[in-house]
Amino acid sequence: MKAIIQRVTAASVTVNEEIVSAIGRGLCVLVGICKDDTAKDVEYIVRKLLNIRLFEDSSGKRWSKSVLDEQLEILCVSQFTLYHRLKGNKPDFHLAMQGTEAQDLYNSFLQQLGQKYRADRIKDGKFGAYMQVHIQNDGPVTLELDSEPKRSDEKGEEK
C-alpha cells in the first residue's frame, strides 16, 4: 500500500463538476492499493499517517505535531495509478488491486482512520470515479509512505 501525503491549507474533490468532499488545513492523501496488500498494510499506513509529524507547534518549531495532535482533517483519494510500471512509454497497472477487492480494502482503510481518529475529520473522494483533486499544498510538503517493504531502523526493528 502506498500513500502520497500532502500537507495542505485546503483540498477538495470534484466529480462531474460537483464538489463531493472538501477540507481546510490538514492532509490530502492519495492512496494506492497493491494486489498483494492485506489488513496489515492498512494498519501500517493508518498508524504512520496519523502520527507523522508534519506540522509546527505553537512556538513555530517545525516537524513537531501530527494531524492527530492538531485535530486536523484528512482527505483521502483512491489512486490505482500509484502502482504503475512503464512498458516503454505506456503505463501498466497490473500490480494494482482490482475492483471490489480494492474497494473493500480502501473502505477498511477509511474505517480504521475513523476508528483511530475521528470519523468526522476523515473525508474521501468517490472510489473508481473520474475525479478532479484540487490541492493547495502547504510548504510544499509531500511525502510517500510505502507499507512494503516496511522500512527498518539501524537495529533492524520495524518502525
C-alpha atoms as a PDB file:
ATOM      1  CA  MET A   1       0.000   0.000   0.000  1.00  0.00           C
ATOM      2  CA  LYS A   2       1.265   3.439  -0.896  1.00  0.00           C
ATOM      3  CA  ALA A   3       0.199   6.827   0.334  1.00  0.00           C
ATOM      4  CA  ILE A   4       1.314  10.148  -1.084  1.00  0.00           C
ATOM      5  CA  ILE A   5       0.775  12.611   1.748  1.00  0.00           C
ATOM      6  CA  GLN A   6       0.494  16.315   1.076  1.00  0.00           C
ATOM      7  CA  ARG A   7       0.233  18.911   3.816  1.00  0.00           C
ATOM      8  CA  VAL A   8      -2.468  21.304   2.646  1.00  0.00           C
ATOM      9  CA  THR A   9      -4.176  24.523   3.593  1.00  0.00           C
ATOM     10  CA  ALA A  10      -7.195  23.316   1.593  1.00  0.00           C
ATOM     11  CA  ALA A  11      -8.161  20.442  -0.704  1.00  0.00           C
ATOM     12  CA  SER A  12     -11.279  19.236  -2.474  1.00  0.00           C
ATOM     13  CA  VAL A  13     -12.520  16.531  -4.824  1.00  0.00           C
ATOM     14  CA  THR A  14     -14.892  17.239  -7.679  1.00  0.00           C
ATOM     15  CA  VAL A  15     -16.827  14.646  -9.702  1.00  0.00           C
ATOM     16  CA  ASN A  16     -18.908  15.757 -12.689  1.00  0.00           C
ATOM     17  CA  GLU A  17     -18.422  19.415 -11.690  1.00  0.00           C
ATOM     18  CA  GLU A  18     -19.840  18.752  -8.204  1.00  0.00           C
ATOM     19  CA  ILE A  19     -17.695  19.012  -5.074  1.00  0.00           C
ATOM     20  CA  VAL A  20     -18.005  15.690  -3.238  1.00  0.00           C
ATOM     21  CA  SER A  21     -15.538  16.447  -0.410  1.00  0.00           C
ATOM     22  CA  ALA A  22     -13.528  19.379   0.859  1.00  0.00           C
ATOM     23  CA  ILE A  23     -11.223  20.085   3.785  1.00  0.00           C
ATOM     24  CA  GLY A  24      -9.352  23.016   5.233  1.00  0.00           C
ATOM     25  CA  ARG A  25      -5.931  22.684   6.853  1.00  0.00           C
ATOM     26  CA  GLY A  26      -4.717  19.097   7.119  1.00  0.00           C
ATOM     27  CA  LEU A  27      -3.567  16.302   4.826  1.00  0.00           C
ATOM     28  CA  CYS A  28      -4.565  15.222   1.349  1.00  0.00           C
ATOM     29  CA  VAL A  29      -3.641  11.564   0.908  1.00  0.00           C
ATOM     30  CA  LEU A  30      -3.502   9.750  -2.431  1.00  0.00           C
ATOM     31  CA  VAL A  31      -3.899   6.029  -1.681  1.00  0.00           C
ATOM     32  CA  GLY A  32      -2.721   3.199  -3.908  1.00  0.00           C
ATOM     33  CA  ILE A  33      -3.516  -0.427  -3.163  1.00  0.00           C
ATOM     34  CA  CYS A  34      -1.302  -3.233  -4.444  1.00  0.00           C
ATOM     35  CA  LYS A  35      -2.756  -6.605  -5.442  1.00  0.00           C
ATOM     36  CA  ASP A  36      -0.816  -8.211  -2.558  1.00  0.00           C
ATOM     37  CA  ASP A  37      -1.917  -5.788   0.185  1.00  0.00           C
ATOM     38  CA  THR A  38      -3.593  -7.086   3.348  1.00  0.00           C
ATOM     39  CA  ALA A  39      -5.084  -5.723   6.557  1.00  0.00           C
ATOM     40  CA  LYS A  40      -1.523  -5.439   7.951  1.00  0.00           C
ATOM     41  CA  ASP A  41      -0.625  -2.955   5.214  1.00  0.00           C
ATOM     42  CA  VAL A  42      -3.720  -0.909   6.052  1.00  0.00           C
ATOM     43  CA  GLU A  43      -2.808  -0.876   9.759  1.00  0.00           C
ATOM     44  CA  TYR A  44       0.741   0.273   8.998  1.00  0.00           C
ATOM     45  CA  ILE A  45      -0.344   3.151   6.731  1.00  0.00           C
ATOM     46  CA  VAL A  46      -3.082   4.284   9.135  1.00  0.00           C
ATOM     47  CA  ARG A  47      -0.657   4.355  12.074  1.00  0.00           C
ATOM     48  CA  LYS A  48       2.002   6.256  10.165  1.00  0.00           C
ATOM     49  CA  LEU A  49      -0.458   8.680   8.584  1.00  0.00           C
ATOM     50  CA  LEU A  50      -1.972   9.696  11.913  1.00  0.00           C
ATOM     51  CA  ASN A  51       1.352  10.043  13.723  1.00  0.00           C
ATOM     52  CA  ILE A  52       3.757  11.501  11.164  1.00  0.00           C
ATOM     53  CA  ARG A  53       4.894  14.934  12.365  1.00  0.00           C
ATOM     54  CA  LEU A  54       4.390  17.399   9.523  1.00  0.00           C
ATOM     55  CA  PHE A  55       3.124  20.434  11.418  1.00  0.00           C
ATOM     56  CA  GLU A  56       4.784  23.051  13.587  1.00  0.00           C
ATOM     57  CA  ASP A  57       3.988  23.610  17.242  1.00  0.00           C
ATOM     58  CA  SER A  58       2.688  26.846  18.782  1.00  0.00           C
ATOM     59  CA  SER A  59       6.241  28.172  19.196  1.00  0.00           C
ATOM     60  CA  GLY A  60       6.954  27.650  15.477  1.00  0.00           C
ATOM     61  CA  LYS A  61       9.130  24.546  15.852  1.00  0.00           C
ATOM     62  CA  ARG A  62       8.783  22.585  12.608  1.00  0.00           C
ATOM     63  CA  TRP A  63       8.047  18.868  12.288  1.00  0.00           C
ATOM     64  CA  SER A  64       6.646  18.697  15.831  1.00  0.00           C
ATOM     65  CA  LYS A  65       2.945  17.913  15.546  1.00  0.00           C
ATOM     66  CA  SER A  66       0.862  15.296  13.777  1.00  0.00           C
ATOM     67  CA  VAL A  67      -2.582  15.606  12.233  1.00  0.00           C
ATOM     68  CA  LEU A  68      -3.792  13.768  15.352  1.00  0.00           C
ATOM     69  CA  ASP A  69      -2.124  16.284  17.695  1.00  0.00           C
ATOM     70  CA  GLU A  70      -3.627  19.230  15.832  1.00  0.00           C
ATOM     71  CA  GLN A  71      -7.052  17.615  15.246  1.00  0.00           C
ATOM     72  CA  LEU A  72      -6.898  18.452  11.529  1.00  0.00           C
ATOM     73  CA  GLU A  73      -8.814  16.993   8.593  1.00  0.00           C
ATOM     74  CA  ILE A  74      -7.713  14.284   6.168  1.00  0.00           C
ATOM     75  CA  LEU A  75      -8.942  13.991   2.580  1.00  0.00           C
ATOM     76  CA  CYS A  76      -8.259  10.546   1.087  1.00  0.00           C
ATOM     77  CA  VAL A  77      -8.378   9.810  -2.632  1.00  0.00           C
ATOM     78  CA  SER A  78      -8.030   6.301  -4.067  1.00  0.00           C
ATOM     79  CA  GLN A  79      -5.450   6.273  -6.860  1.00  0.00           C
ATOM     80  CA  PHE A  80      -4.594   2.965  -8.520  1.00  0.00           C
ATOM     81  CA  THR A  81      -2.028   4.728 -10.755  1.00  0.00           C
ATOM     82  CA  LEU A  82       0.426   4.743  -7.836  1.00  0.00           C
ATOM     83  CA  TYR A  83       1.042   1.089  -8.754  1.00  0.00           C
ATOM     84  CA  HIS A  84       2.197   1.586 -12.310  1.00  0.00           C
ATOM     85  CA  ARG A  85       5.082   0.135 -14.272  1.00  0.00           C
ATOM     86  CA  LEU A  86       6.162   1.586 -17.582  1.00  0.00           C
ATOM     87  CA  LYS A  87       6.202  -0.689 -20.608  1.00  0.00           C
ATOM     88  CA  GLY A  88       8.050   1.556 -22.968  1.00  0.00           C
ATOM     89  CA  ASN A  89       6.082   4.777 -22.697  1.00  0.00           C
ATOM     90  CA  LYS A  90       2.781   3.181 -21.718  1.00  0.00           C
ATOM     91  CA  PRO A  91       1.839   2.714 -18.055  1.00  0.00           C
ATOM     92  CA  ASP A  92       0.778  -0.755 -16.953  1.00  0.00           C
ATOM     93  CA  PHE A  93      -1.280  -1.173 -13.782  1.00  0.00           C
ATOM     94  CA  HIS A  94      -1.236  -4.953 -13.259  1.00  0.00           C
ATOM     95  CA  LEU A  95       0.268  -4.508  -9.762  1.00  0.00           C
ATOM     96  CA  ALA A  96      -2.772  -2.540  -8.566  1.00  0.00           C
ATOM     97  CA  MET A  97      -5.546  -4.396  -6.782  1.00  0.00           C
ATOM     98  CA  GLN A  98      -8.695  -4.544  -8.905  1.00  0.00           C
ATOM     99  CA  GLY A  99     -12.389  -3.806  -8.439  1.00  0.00           C
ATOM    100  CA  THR A 100     -14.411  -4.887  -5.435  1.00  0.00           C
ATOM    101  CA  GLU A 101     -11.410  -6.271  -3.575  1.00  0.00           C
ATOM    102  CA  ALA A 102      -9.610  -2.906  -3.845  1.00  0.00           C
ATOM    103  CA  GLN A 103     -12.731  -1.003  -2.832  1.00  0.00           C
ATOM    104  CA  ASP A 104     -13.194  -3.235   0.216  1.00  0.00           C
ATOM    105  CA  LEU A 105      -9.593  -2.686   1.376  1.00  0.00           C
ATOM    106  CA  TYR A 106      -9.871   1.065   0.722  1.00  0.00           C
ATOM    107  CA  ASN A 107     -13.101   1.200   2.745  1.00  0.00           C
ATOM    108  CA  SER A 108     -11.340  -0.717   5.526  1.00  0.00           C
ATOM    109  CA  PHE A 109      -8.587   1.917   5.427  1.00  0.00           C
ATOM    110  CA  LEU A 110     -11.145   4.742   5.775  1.00  0.00           C
ATOM    111  CA  GLN A 111     -12.953   2.889   8.555  1.00  0.00           C
ATOM    112  CA  GLN A 112      -9.734   2.345  10.532  1.00  0.00           C
ATOM    113  CA  LEU A 113      -8.793   6.007  10.157  1.00  0.00           C
ATOM    114  CA  GLY A 114     -12.191   6.952  11.553  1.00  0.00           C
ATOM    115  CA  GLN A 115     -11.899   4.489  14.458  1.00  0.00           C
ATOM    116  CA  LYS A 116      -8.372   5.509  15.437  1.00  0.00           C
ATOM    117  CA  TYR A 117      -9.030   9.217  14.968  1.00  0.00           C
ATOM    118  CA  ARG A 118     -12.368  10.974  14.399  1.00  0.00           C
ATOM    119  CA  ALA A 119     -14.718   9.857  11.641  1.00  0.00           C
ATOM    120  CA  ASP A 120     -15.972  13.436  11.162  1.00  0.00           C
ATOM    121  CA  ARG A 121     -12.407  14.526  10.261  1.00  0.00           C
ATOM    122  CA  ILE A 122     -11.978  11.889   7.511  1.00  0.00           C
ATOM    123  CA  LYS A 123     -13.233  12.743   4.005  1.00  0.00           C
ATOM    124  CA  ASP A 124     -12.765  10.937   0.719  1.00  0.00           C
ATOM    125  CA  GLY A 125     -13.403  11.167  -2.984  1.00  0.00           C
ATOM    126  CA  LYS A 126     -15.529   8.711  -4.924  1.00  0.00           C
ATOM    127  CA  PHE A 127     -13.894   5.325  -5.414  1.00  0.00           C
ATOM    128  CA  GLY A 128     -13.464   4.439  -9.091  1.00  0.00           C
ATOM    129  CA  ALA A 129     -14.776   7.790 -10.347  1.00  0.00           C
ATOM    130  CA  TYR A 130     -13.031  10.220 -12.653  1.00  0.00           C
ATOM    131  CA  MET A 131     -12.135  12.961 -10.163  1.00  0.00           C
ATOM    132  CA  GLN A 132     -10.521  16.357 -10.138  1.00  0.00           C
ATOM    133  CA  VAL A 133      -8.448  16.831  -6.999  1.00  0.00           C
ATOM    134  CA  HIS A 134      -7.762  20.426  -6.037  1.00  0.00           C
ATOM    135  CA  ILE A 135      -4.823  20.712  -3.664  1.00  0.00           C
ATOM    136  CA  GLN A 136      -3.387  23.825  -2.093  1.00  0.00           C
ATOM    137  CA  ASN A 137      -0.101  22.295  -0.940  1.00  0.00           C
ATOM    138  CA  ASP A 138       1.365  23.924   2.174  1.00  0.00           C
ATOM    139  CA  GLY A 139       5.136  24.313   2.107  1.00  0.00           C
ATOM    140  CA  PRO A 140       5.090  22.461  -0.249  1.00  0.00           C
ATOM    141  CA  VAL A 141       5.314  19.308   1.836  1.00  0.00           C
ATOM    142  CA  THR A 142       4.833  15.982   0.053  1.00  0.00           C
ATOM    143  CA  LEU A 143       5.931  12.589   1.401  1.00  0.00           C
ATOM    144  CA  GLU A 144       5.493   8.998   0.271  1.00  0.00           C
ATOM    145  CA  LEU A 145       4.645   6.131   2.604  1.00  0.00           C
ATOM    146  CA  ASP A 146       5.011   2.556   1.435  1.00  0.00           C
ATOM    147  CA  SER A 147       3.924  -0.388   3.572  1.00  0.00           C
ATOM    148  CA  GLU A 148       6.122  -2.867   1.698  1.00  0.00           C
ATOM    149  CA  PRO A 149       8.910  -3.278   2.291  1.00  0.00           C
ATOM    150  CA  LYS A 150       8.398  -1.826   5.737  1.00  0.00           C
ATOM    151  CA  ARG A 151      11.374   0.341   6.499  1.00  0.00           C
ATOM    152  CA  SER A 152      13.684  -0.612   9.352  1.00  0.00           C
ATOM    153  CA  ASP A 153      15.886   1.460  11.577  1.00  0.00           C
ATOM    154  CA  GLU A 154      19.581   0.685  12.083  1.00  0.00           C
ATOM    155  CA  LYS A 155      18.771  -2.027  14.647  1.00  0.00           C
ATOM    156  CA  GLY A 156      16.571  -3.879  12.195  1.00  0.00           C
ATOM    157  CA  GLU A 157      13.378  -3.117  14.097  1.00  0.00           C
ATOM    158  CA  GLU A 158      10.237  -2.146  12.253  1.00  0.00           C
ATOM    159  CA  LYS A 159       9.245   1.457  12.817  1.00  0.00           C
END
